[in-house]
């Protein structure tokens, strides 16, 4: 009915969860809370969700405007996901964030939650899955992001640094496998 597919929603949700990596960014969130004081969890979640949904619809048109097809973008996205996965697995930082005076929107909503990896992933997912399933997965992820932002201090105390490290590395391996699959599925389309 209306293209809804529970399996697709779960798959997309897991991909977005791995890319957004809200659990892995808890140490950054805690640091932002200490540096800037109270972080508006509602505002950050809503802004990130709006950015992702708008980019889901406008992103492909933007690509067409500049003459890039979805397969090329998906292959490029697989490289971005590959490097994000390496960051998560190896504990290195390839992408350097700039700091600002406000933490709720920048850098929390963008680029931590709805960053380049998330945008690339959304367009790549759009080439393979129904849009309605992607939107539902985005909303579910934003609800989860909001819950994590609200309870980040409790989660950090519960998991500890070692627990957070294990979760981050596990999702890094999952993301690496997704990057390889995304590359393999779209690289053929470049030569058609």
N, C-alpha and C. Protein backbone atom coordinates (compact mmCIF):
# COMPACT_ATOMS: atom_id res chain seq x y z
N UNK A 1 0.85 -1.20 0.00
CA UNK A 1 0.00 0.00 0.00
C UNK A 1 0.88 1.25 0.00
N UNK A 2 0.74 2.11 -0.99
CA UNK A 2 1.49 3.36 -1.12
C UNK A 2 3.00 3.14 -1.17
N UNK A 3 3.46 1.94 -1.51
CA UNK A 3 4.88 1.68 -1.60
C UNK A 3 5.55 1.42 -0.27
N UNK A 4 4.76 1.31 0.81
CA UNK A 4 5.35 1.05 2.13
C UNK A 4 5.91 -0.36 2.18
N UNK A 5 7.12 -0.47 2.69
CA UNK A 5 7.78 -1.76 2.81
C UNK A 5 8.57 -1.75 4.12
N UNK A 6 8.12 -2.55 5.07
CA UNK A 6 8.74 -2.57 6.40
C UNK A 6 10.22 -2.94 6.33
N UNK A 7 10.54 -3.91 5.46
CA UNK A 7 11.94 -4.34 5.32
C UNK A 7 12.81 -3.19 4.82
N UNK A 8 12.29 -2.43 3.82
CA UNK A 8 13.03 -1.28 3.31
C UNK A 8 13.22 -0.22 4.39
N UNK A 9 12.17 0.04 5.17
CA UNK A 9 12.25 1.05 6.23
C UNK A 9 13.33 0.66 7.24
N UNK A 10 13.37 -0.62 7.62
CA UNK A 10 14.38 -1.11 8.57
C UNK A 10 15.77 -0.97 7.97
N UNK A 11 15.94 -1.37 6.70
CA UNK A 11 17.24 -1.27 6.05
C UNK A 11 17.71 0.18 5.97
N UNK A 12 16.83 1.06 5.48
CA UNK A 12 17.18 2.48 5.35
C UNK A 12 17.46 3.07 6.73
N UNK A 13 16.61 2.71 7.69
CA UNK A 13 16.79 3.22 9.06
C UNK A 13 18.15 2.84 9.64
N UNK A 14 18.56 1.60 9.40
CA UNK A 14 19.87 1.15 9.90
C UNK A 14 21.01 1.86 9.20
N UNK A 15 20.86 2.07 7.88
CA UNK A 15 21.90 2.79 7.13
C UNK A 15 22.03 4.21 7.67
N UNK A 16 20.89 4.91 7.81
CA UNK A 16 20.92 6.28 8.32
C UNK A 16 21.44 6.33 9.75
N UNK A 17 21.05 5.35 10.57
CA UNK A 17 21.54 5.30 11.95
C UNK A 17 23.06 5.18 11.98
N UNK A 18 23.59 4.34 11.10
CA UNK A 18 25.05 4.17 11.04
C UNK A 18 25.74 5.43 10.54
N UNK A 19 25.15 6.09 9.54
CA UNK A 19 25.77 7.29 8.97
C UNK A 19 25.68 8.46 9.93
N UNK A 20 24.49 8.68 10.49
CA UNK A 20 24.31 9.77 11.45
C UNK A 20 25.19 9.53 12.67
N UNK A 21 25.29 8.27 13.09
CA UNK A 21 26.16 7.86 14.20
C UNK A 21 25.92 8.72 15.45
N UNK A 22 24.65 8.86 15.84
CA UNK A 22 24.33 9.69 16.99
C UNK A 22 24.92 9.13 18.28
N UNK A 23 24.99 7.79 18.40
CA UNK A 23 25.59 7.20 19.59
C UNK A 23 27.08 7.47 19.62
N UNK A 24 27.73 7.37 18.46
CA UNK A 24 29.17 7.63 18.39
C UNK A 24 29.54 9.08 18.63
N UNK A 25 28.58 9.99 18.43
CA UNK A 25 28.85 11.41 18.65
C UNK A 25 28.49 11.87 20.06
N UNK A 26 28.09 10.95 20.93
CA UNK A 26 27.76 11.34 22.31
C UNK A 26 28.93 12.07 22.99
N UNK A 27 30.17 11.60 22.84
CA UNK A 27 31.27 12.37 23.45
C UNK A 27 31.35 13.82 22.93
N UNK A 28 31.07 14.02 21.64
CA UNK A 28 31.07 15.38 21.07
C UNK A 28 29.90 16.18 21.64
N UNK A 29 28.74 15.53 21.76
CA UNK A 29 27.55 16.20 22.32
C UNK A 29 27.81 16.63 23.76
N UNK A 30 28.42 15.74 24.54
CA UNK A 30 28.73 16.06 25.94
C UNK A 30 29.70 17.24 26.00
N UNK A 31 30.70 17.23 25.12
CA UNK A 31 31.67 18.33 25.06
C UNK A 31 30.99 19.65 24.69
N UNK A 32 30.05 19.61 23.73
CA UNK A 32 29.30 20.80 23.34
C UNK A 32 28.44 21.33 24.49
N UNK A 33 27.83 20.41 25.24
CA UNK A 33 27.04 20.82 26.41
C UNK A 33 27.91 21.56 27.42
N UNK A 34 29.11 21.02 27.66
CA UNK A 34 30.02 21.66 28.62
C UNK A 34 30.51 23.00 28.11
N UNK A 35 30.75 23.11 26.81
CA UNK A 35 31.30 24.33 26.24
C UNK A 35 30.26 25.43 26.09
N UNK A 36 29.03 25.06 25.63
CA UNK A 36 28.01 26.06 25.32
C UNK A 36 26.85 26.09 26.31
N UNK A 37 26.83 25.17 27.27
CA UNK A 37 25.70 25.10 28.18
C UNK A 37 24.61 24.23 27.61
N UNK A 38 23.35 24.61 27.81
CA UNK A 38 22.20 23.82 27.37
C UNK A 38 22.11 23.77 25.85
N UNK A 39 21.90 22.56 25.31
CA UNK A 39 21.68 22.37 23.88
C UNK A 39 20.18 22.12 23.69
N UNK A 40 19.59 22.84 22.75
CA UNK A 40 18.16 22.68 22.48
C UNK A 40 17.96 21.43 21.62
N UNK A 41 17.64 20.31 22.27
CA UNK A 41 17.49 19.03 21.58
C UNK A 41 16.38 19.06 20.54
N UNK A 42 15.25 19.71 20.90
CA UNK A 42 14.12 19.77 19.97
C UNK A 42 14.50 20.54 18.70
N UNK A 43 15.11 21.68 18.88
CA UNK A 43 15.49 22.54 17.75
C UNK A 43 16.50 21.82 16.85
N UNK A 44 17.51 21.23 17.44
CA UNK A 44 18.54 20.53 16.66
C UNK A 44 17.93 19.36 15.87
N UNK A 45 17.03 18.61 16.50
CA UNK A 45 16.41 17.46 15.85
C UNK A 45 15.52 17.88 14.69
N UNK A 46 14.67 18.90 14.93
CA UNK A 46 13.75 19.36 13.88
C UNK A 46 14.52 19.93 12.70
N UNK A 47 15.52 20.76 12.97
CA UNK A 47 16.31 21.36 11.88
C UNK A 47 17.02 20.28 11.07
N UNK A 48 17.61 19.29 11.74
CA UNK A 48 18.29 18.21 11.03
C UNK A 48 17.31 17.42 10.17
N UNK A 49 16.12 17.14 10.71
CA UNK A 49 15.10 16.40 9.95
C UNK A 49 14.64 17.17 8.73
N UNK A 50 14.42 18.47 8.89
CA UNK A 50 13.98 19.31 7.76
C UNK A 50 15.07 19.35 6.69
N UNK A 51 16.31 19.53 7.11
CA UNK A 51 17.42 19.56 6.15
C UNK A 51 17.47 18.27 5.34
N UNK A 52 17.33 17.13 6.02
CA UNK A 52 17.42 15.83 5.34
C UNK A 52 16.25 15.62 4.38
N UNK A 53 15.04 15.94 4.80
CA UNK A 53 13.87 15.73 3.93
C UNK A 53 13.91 16.68 2.73
N UNK A 54 14.27 17.95 2.96
CA UNK A 54 14.36 18.89 1.85
C UNK A 54 15.43 18.44 0.85
N UNK A 55 16.58 18.00 1.36
CA UNK A 55 17.65 17.56 0.46
C UNK A 55 17.26 16.29 -0.30
N UNK A 56 16.44 15.45 0.33
CA UNK A 56 15.97 14.24 -0.33
C UNK A 56 15.23 14.59 -1.62
N UNK A 57 14.43 15.67 -1.58
CA UNK A 57 13.64 16.07 -2.75
C UNK A 57 14.40 17.01 -3.68
N UNK A 58 15.14 17.95 -3.14
CA UNK A 58 15.81 18.97 -3.95
C UNK A 58 17.17 18.49 -4.45
N UNK A 59 17.77 17.57 -3.74
CA UNK A 59 19.12 17.13 -4.07
C UNK A 59 19.26 16.58 -5.47
N UNK A 60 18.31 15.74 -5.89
CA UNK A 60 18.40 15.14 -7.22
C UNK A 60 18.23 16.20 -8.31
N UNK A 61 17.31 17.15 -8.09
CA UNK A 61 17.11 18.23 -9.05
C UNK A 61 18.37 19.11 -9.14
N UNK A 62 18.99 19.33 -8.00
CA UNK A 62 20.23 20.10 -7.97
C UNK A 62 21.31 19.40 -8.78
N UNK A 63 21.37 18.07 -8.65
CA UNK A 63 22.34 17.29 -9.43
C UNK A 63 22.07 17.42 -10.93
N UNK A 64 20.79 17.32 -11.31
CA UNK A 64 20.43 17.45 -12.72
C UNK A 64 20.82 18.83 -13.24
N UNK A 65 20.62 19.83 -12.40
CA UNK A 65 20.94 21.21 -12.78
C UNK A 65 22.42 21.36 -13.12
N UNK A 66 23.27 20.67 -12.36
CA UNK A 66 24.71 20.78 -12.61
C UNK A 66 25.25 19.63 -13.47
N UNK A 67 24.33 18.75 -13.95
CA UNK A 67 24.72 17.73 -14.92
C UNK A 67 25.34 16.47 -14.36
N UNK A 68 24.94 16.07 -13.17
CA UNK A 68 25.47 14.84 -12.57
C UNK A 68 24.33 13.84 -12.42
N UNK A 69 24.54 12.59 -12.88
CA UNK A 69 23.49 11.58 -12.73
C UNK A 69 23.56 10.92 -11.36
N UNK A 70 22.48 10.25 -10.99
CA UNK A 70 22.35 9.65 -9.66
C UNK A 70 23.40 8.56 -9.44
N UNK A 71 23.72 7.79 -10.49
CA UNK A 71 24.73 6.72 -10.35
C UNK A 71 26.10 7.30 -9.98
N UNK A 72 26.48 8.39 -10.63
CA UNK A 72 27.76 9.03 -10.31
C UNK A 72 27.77 9.53 -8.88
N UNK A 73 26.66 10.14 -8.46
CA UNK A 73 26.57 10.65 -7.10
C UNK A 73 26.60 9.50 -6.09
N UNK A 74 25.93 8.39 -6.44
CA UNK A 74 25.91 7.23 -5.54
C UNK A 74 27.31 6.63 -5.39
N UNK A 75 28.06 6.56 -6.50
CA UNK A 75 29.43 6.04 -6.42
C UNK A 75 30.29 6.98 -5.58
N UNK A 76 30.15 8.29 -5.81
CA UNK A 76 30.88 9.26 -5.00
C UNK A 76 30.47 9.12 -3.53
N UNK A 77 29.18 8.91 -3.31
CA UNK A 77 28.67 8.72 -1.95
C UNK A 77 29.24 7.48 -1.29
N UNK A 78 29.46 6.43 -2.08
CA UNK A 78 30.04 5.21 -1.51
C UNK A 78 31.46 5.48 -1.01
N UNK A 79 32.18 6.36 -1.69
CA UNK A 79 33.52 6.73 -1.22
C UNK A 79 33.45 7.52 0.10
N UNK A 80 32.47 8.44 0.17
CA UNK A 80 32.29 9.21 1.41
C UNK A 80 31.96 8.27 2.56
N UNK A 81 31.03 7.34 2.32
CA UNK A 81 30.66 6.37 3.36
C UNK A 81 31.86 5.50 3.74
N UNK A 82 32.66 5.15 2.75
CA UNK A 82 33.86 4.35 3.00
C UNK A 82 34.79 5.06 3.97
N UNK A 83 35.03 6.36 3.72
CA UNK A 83 35.92 7.11 4.60
C UNK A 83 35.30 7.36 5.97
N UNK A 84 33.98 7.58 6.01
CA UNK A 84 33.30 7.71 7.31
C UNK A 84 33.46 6.42 8.11
N UNK A 85 33.31 5.28 7.43
CA UNK A 85 33.46 3.99 8.10
C UNK A 85 34.89 3.81 8.62
N UNK A 86 35.87 4.22 7.82
CA UNK A 86 37.26 4.14 8.28
C UNK A 86 37.49 5.00 9.52
N UNK A 87 36.89 6.19 9.53
CA UNK A 87 36.98 7.05 10.72
C UNK A 87 36.44 6.33 11.94
N UNK A 88 35.28 5.69 11.77
CA UNK A 88 34.64 5.02 12.89
C UNK A 88 35.44 3.81 13.36
N UNK A 89 35.94 3.03 12.42
CA UNK A 89 36.65 1.79 12.77
C UNK A 89 38.04 2.08 13.34
N UNK A 90 38.78 2.97 12.67
CA UNK A 90 40.16 3.22 13.06
C UNK A 90 40.33 4.31 14.11
N UNK A 91 39.25 5.06 14.38
CA UNK A 91 39.32 6.11 15.39
C UNK A 91 40.14 7.31 14.95
N UNK A 92 40.15 7.58 13.64
CA UNK A 92 40.88 8.74 13.12
C UNK A 92 39.87 9.78 12.64
N UNK A 93 40.31 11.01 12.46
CA UNK A 93 39.45 12.07 11.93
C UNK A 93 40.02 12.53 10.60
N UNK A 94 39.31 12.22 9.52
CA UNK A 94 39.71 12.69 8.20
C UNK A 94 39.08 14.05 7.95
N UNK A 95 37.80 14.18 8.36
CA UNK A 95 37.07 15.43 8.19
C UNK A 95 37.25 16.27 9.45
N UNK A 96 37.67 17.49 9.30
CA UNK A 96 37.88 18.39 10.44
C UNK A 96 36.72 19.37 10.55
N UNK A 97 36.10 19.44 11.74
CA UNK A 97 34.98 20.36 11.97
C UNK A 97 35.51 21.71 12.43
N UNK A 98 34.83 22.77 11.99
CA UNK A 98 35.14 24.10 12.49
C UNK A 98 34.18 24.40 13.64
N UNK A 99 34.65 25.12 14.63
CA UNK A 99 33.80 25.43 15.78
C UNK A 99 33.12 26.77 15.59
N UNK A 100 31.90 26.90 16.13
CA UNK A 100 31.13 28.12 16.08
C UNK A 100 30.66 28.48 17.49
N UNK A 101 30.01 29.64 17.64
CA UNK A 101 29.57 30.08 18.95
C UNK A 101 28.23 29.49 19.36
N UNK A 102 27.47 28.92 18.42
CA UNK A 102 26.17 28.32 18.71
C UNK A 102 26.25 26.83 18.44
N UNK A 103 25.70 26.04 19.35
CA UNK A 103 25.86 24.60 19.21
C UNK A 103 24.61 23.86 18.78
N UNK A 104 23.41 24.41 18.96
CA UNK A 104 22.19 23.67 18.65
C UNK A 104 22.01 23.42 17.16
N UNK A 105 22.26 24.44 16.33
CA UNK A 105 22.10 24.26 14.89
C UNK A 105 23.42 23.88 14.26
N UNK A 106 24.43 24.70 14.44
CA UNK A 106 25.78 24.43 13.94
C UNK A 106 26.69 24.29 15.15
N UNK A 107 27.40 23.23 15.35
CA UNK A 107 27.63 22.09 14.47
C UNK A 107 26.74 20.88 14.74
N UNK A 108 25.76 20.98 15.65
CA UNK A 108 25.00 19.79 16.03
C UNK A 108 24.05 19.32 14.92
N UNK A 109 23.06 20.16 14.55
CA UNK A 109 22.11 19.75 13.51
C UNK A 109 22.82 19.59 12.17
N UNK A 110 23.70 20.53 11.87
CA UNK A 110 24.50 20.47 10.65
C UNK A 110 25.91 20.91 11.00
N UNK A 111 26.93 20.13 10.80
CA UNK A 111 27.03 18.91 10.01
C UNK A 111 27.05 17.61 10.79
N UNK A 112 26.93 17.63 12.14
CA UNK A 112 27.02 16.37 12.88
C UNK A 112 25.89 15.40 12.57
N UNK A 113 24.63 15.87 12.61
CA UNK A 113 23.50 14.98 12.36
C UNK A 113 23.21 14.90 10.86
N UNK A 114 22.98 16.04 10.23
CA UNK A 114 22.65 16.07 8.80
C UNK A 114 23.85 16.63 8.03
N UNK A 115 24.90 15.86 7.98
CA UNK A 115 26.12 16.31 7.32
C UNK A 115 26.26 15.77 5.91
N UNK A 116 27.46 15.92 5.38
CA UNK A 116 27.74 15.51 4.00
C UNK A 116 27.49 14.02 3.79
N UNK A 117 27.89 13.21 4.75
CA UNK A 117 27.67 11.77 4.63
C UNK A 117 26.20 11.42 4.59
N UNK A 118 25.41 12.09 5.42
CA UNK A 118 23.97 11.85 5.45
C UNK A 118 23.32 12.27 4.14
N UNK A 119 23.72 13.44 3.61
CA UNK A 119 23.14 13.92 2.36
C UNK A 119 23.47 12.98 1.20
N UNK A 120 24.71 12.56 1.14
CA UNK A 120 25.14 11.64 0.10
C UNK A 120 24.37 10.33 0.21
N UNK A 121 24.23 9.85 1.43
CA UNK A 121 23.51 8.60 1.67
C UNK A 121 22.06 8.71 1.23
N UNK A 122 21.41 9.84 1.55
CA UNK A 122 20.00 10.01 1.18
C UNK A 122 19.80 9.92 -0.32
N UNK A 123 20.63 10.59 -1.09
CA UNK A 123 20.49 10.53 -2.54
C UNK A 123 20.83 9.14 -3.08
N UNK A 124 21.80 8.50 -2.47
CA UNK A 124 22.16 7.15 -2.88
C UNK A 124 21.01 6.19 -2.58
N UNK A 125 20.39 6.35 -1.40
CA UNK A 125 19.25 5.50 -1.03
C UNK A 125 18.06 5.75 -1.95
N UNK A 126 17.89 7.00 -2.36
CA UNK A 126 16.76 7.33 -3.23
C UNK A 126 16.85 6.61 -4.57
N UNK A 127 18.07 6.29 -4.99
CA UNK A 127 18.23 5.57 -6.25
C UNK A 127 17.85 4.10 -6.12
N UNK A 128 17.67 3.62 -4.87
CA UNK A 128 17.40 2.20 -4.67
C UNK A 128 16.08 1.91 -3.95
N UNK A 129 15.54 2.87 -3.19
CA UNK A 129 14.37 2.61 -2.36
C UNK A 129 13.26 3.63 -2.62
N UNK A 130 12.03 3.27 -2.21
CA UNK A 130 10.87 4.16 -2.35
C UNK A 130 11.02 5.36 -1.42
N UNK A 131 10.65 6.55 -1.92
CA UNK A 131 10.81 7.80 -1.18
C UNK A 131 10.06 7.78 0.15
N UNK A 132 8.84 7.22 0.16
CA UNK A 132 8.04 7.20 1.39
C UNK A 132 8.75 6.42 2.49
N UNK A 133 9.40 5.33 2.11
CA UNK A 133 10.14 4.53 3.10
C UNK A 133 11.35 5.29 3.64
N UNK A 134 11.99 6.08 2.78
CA UNK A 134 13.13 6.90 3.22
C UNK A 134 12.65 7.96 4.20
N UNK A 135 11.52 8.61 3.89
CA UNK A 135 10.99 9.65 4.79
C UNK A 135 10.64 9.06 6.15
N UNK A 136 9.99 7.90 6.16
CA UNK A 136 9.65 7.26 7.44
C UNK A 136 10.92 6.93 8.22
N UNK A 137 11.94 6.42 7.52
CA UNK A 137 13.21 6.09 8.18
C UNK A 137 13.88 7.35 8.73
N UNK A 138 13.79 8.47 8.00
CA UNK A 138 14.35 9.74 8.48
C UNK A 138 13.64 10.16 9.76
N UNK A 139 12.30 10.13 9.74
CA UNK A 139 11.53 10.53 10.92
C UNK A 139 11.87 9.65 12.12
N UNK A 140 11.95 8.34 11.90
CA UNK A 140 12.30 7.43 13.00
C UNK A 140 13.70 7.73 13.55
N UNK A 141 14.63 8.02 12.65
CA UNK A 141 15.98 8.36 13.08
C UNK A 141 16.02 9.68 13.84
N UNK A 142 15.22 10.66 13.41
CA UNK A 142 15.19 11.96 14.10
C UNK A 142 14.60 11.79 15.50
N UNK A 143 13.59 10.94 15.64
CA UNK A 143 13.03 10.65 16.97
C UNK A 143 14.11 10.04 17.85
N UNK A 144 14.87 9.11 17.29
CA UNK A 144 15.97 8.48 18.04
C UNK A 144 17.06 9.50 18.37
N UNK A 145 17.37 10.38 17.42
CA UNK A 145 18.36 11.44 17.66
C UNK A 145 17.91 12.32 18.82
N UNK A 146 16.64 12.70 18.80
CA UNK A 146 16.09 13.54 19.87
C UNK A 146 16.22 12.84 21.22
N UNK A 147 15.87 11.54 21.27
CA UNK A 147 15.96 10.78 22.52
C UNK A 147 17.40 10.73 23.02
N UNK A 148 18.34 10.51 22.09
CA UNK A 148 19.75 10.44 22.48
C UNK A 148 20.25 11.81 22.96
N UNK A 149 19.86 12.88 22.25
CA UNK A 149 20.28 14.21 22.68
C UNK A 149 19.76 14.54 24.07
N UNK A 150 18.51 14.16 24.33
CA UNK A 150 17.91 14.44 25.63
C UNK A 150 18.59 13.67 26.76
N UNK A 151 19.04 12.46 26.45
CA UNK A 151 19.59 11.62 27.51
C UNK A 151 21.07 11.28 27.29
N UNK A 152 21.81 12.15 26.61
CA UNK A 152 23.21 11.86 26.28
C UNK A 152 24.09 11.67 27.51
N UNK A 153 23.86 12.45 28.54
CA UNK A 153 24.69 12.31 29.75
C UNK A 153 24.45 10.95 30.42
N UNK A 154 23.20 10.52 30.47
CA UNK A 154 22.87 9.22 31.08
C UNK A 154 23.45 8.08 30.26
N UNK A 155 23.35 8.20 28.92
CA UNK A 155 23.89 7.15 28.05
C UNK A 155 25.40 7.04 28.20
N UNK A 156 26.07 8.18 28.28
CA UNK A 156 27.53 8.16 28.44
C UNK A 156 27.93 7.48 29.74
N UNK A 157 27.21 7.79 30.82
CA UNK A 157 27.51 7.15 32.11
C UNK A 157 27.25 5.65 32.06
N UNK A 158 26.16 5.25 31.39
CA UNK A 158 25.78 3.84 31.33
C UNK A 158 26.76 3.02 30.50
N UNK A 159 27.10 3.49 29.30
CA UNK A 159 27.97 2.74 28.40
C UNK A 159 29.45 2.86 28.74
N UNK A 160 29.85 4.01 29.22
CA UNK A 160 31.26 4.27 29.46
C UNK A 160 32.00 4.45 28.15
N UNK A 161 33.26 4.86 28.25
CA UNK A 161 34.04 5.12 27.03
C UNK A 161 34.27 3.86 26.21
N UNK A 162 34.51 2.72 26.89
CA UNK A 162 34.74 1.48 26.15
C UNK A 162 33.49 1.02 25.40
N UNK A 163 32.33 1.14 26.05
CA UNK A 163 31.07 0.75 25.41
C UNK A 163 30.78 1.59 24.18
N UNK A 164 31.01 2.91 24.30
CA UNK A 164 30.81 3.80 23.15
C UNK A 164 31.76 3.45 22.02
N UNK A 165 32.98 3.09 22.36
CA UNK A 165 33.97 2.71 21.35
C UNK A 165 33.57 1.45 20.60
N UNK A 166 33.05 0.46 21.32
CA UNK A 166 32.61 -0.79 20.69
C UNK A 166 31.45 -0.53 19.74
N UNK A 167 30.47 0.27 20.19
CA UNK A 167 29.31 0.58 19.35
C UNK A 167 29.76 1.32 18.09
N UNK A 168 30.64 2.28 18.25
CA UNK A 168 31.12 3.07 17.10
C UNK A 168 31.83 2.17 16.08
N UNK A 169 32.69 1.27 16.55
CA UNK A 169 33.43 0.39 15.64
C UNK A 169 32.51 -0.62 14.96
N UNK A 170 31.51 -1.11 15.69
CA UNK A 170 30.55 -2.06 15.10
C UNK A 170 29.78 -1.40 13.97
N UNK A 171 29.27 -0.19 14.21
CA UNK A 171 28.54 0.50 13.15
C UNK A 171 29.48 0.93 12.02
N UNK A 172 30.75 1.10 12.31
CA UNK A 172 31.72 1.40 11.27
C UNK A 172 31.87 0.25 10.29
N UNK A 173 31.91 -0.97 10.81
CA UNK A 173 32.01 -2.16 9.95
C UNK A 173 30.75 -2.31 9.10
N UNK A 174 29.58 -2.08 9.72
CA UNK A 174 28.32 -2.15 8.98
C UNK A 174 28.32 -1.11 7.86
N UNK A 175 28.75 0.09 8.18
CA UNK A 175 28.79 1.17 7.19
C UNK A 175 29.77 0.86 6.07
N UNK A 176 30.89 0.24 6.38
CA UNK A 176 31.87 -0.16 5.37
C UNK A 176 31.26 -1.16 4.39
N UNK A 177 30.51 -2.13 4.91
CA UNK A 177 29.85 -3.11 4.06
C UNK A 177 28.80 -2.44 3.18
N UNK A 178 28.07 -1.48 3.72
CA UNK A 178 27.07 -0.73 2.96
C UNK A 178 27.74 0.06 1.84
N UNK A 179 28.89 0.67 2.13
CA UNK A 179 29.63 1.44 1.12
C UNK A 179 30.05 0.55 -0.04
N UNK A 180 30.53 -0.64 0.26
CA UNK A 180 30.96 -1.58 -0.78
C UNK A 180 29.76 -2.00 -1.63
N UNK A 181 28.63 -2.30 -0.98
CA UNK A 181 27.43 -2.70 -1.70
C UNK A 181 26.92 -1.56 -2.59
N UNK A 182 26.92 -0.36 -2.06
CA UNK A 182 26.46 0.81 -2.80
C UNK A 182 27.34 1.05 -4.03
N UNK A 183 28.64 0.90 -3.87
CA UNK A 183 29.57 1.05 -4.99
C UNK A 183 29.30 0.00 -6.06
N UNK A 184 29.18 -1.26 -5.63
CA UNK A 184 28.97 -2.35 -6.59
C UNK A 184 27.65 -2.20 -7.34
N UNK A 185 26.61 -1.72 -6.65
CA UNK A 185 25.29 -1.59 -7.27
C UNK A 185 25.23 -0.45 -8.29
N UNK A 186 26.04 0.58 -8.11
CA UNK A 186 25.93 1.77 -8.96
C UNK A 186 27.06 1.95 -9.95
N UNK A 187 28.18 1.27 -9.78
CA UNK A 187 29.31 1.49 -10.68
C UNK A 187 28.99 1.02 -12.10
N UNK A 188 28.13 0.00 -12.22
CA UNK A 188 27.73 -0.48 -13.56
C UNK A 188 26.97 0.62 -14.32
N UNK A 189 26.16 1.39 -13.59
CA UNK A 189 25.36 2.45 -14.19
C UNK A 189 26.19 3.56 -14.81
N UNK A 190 27.46 3.68 -14.43
CA UNK A 190 28.32 4.71 -14.99
C UNK A 190 28.68 4.42 -16.44
N UNK A 191 28.65 3.15 -16.83
CA UNK A 191 29.12 2.77 -18.15
C UNK A 191 27.97 2.42 -19.11
N UNK A 192 26.76 2.74 -18.71
CA UNK A 192 25.59 2.46 -19.57
C UNK A 192 25.27 3.67 -20.40
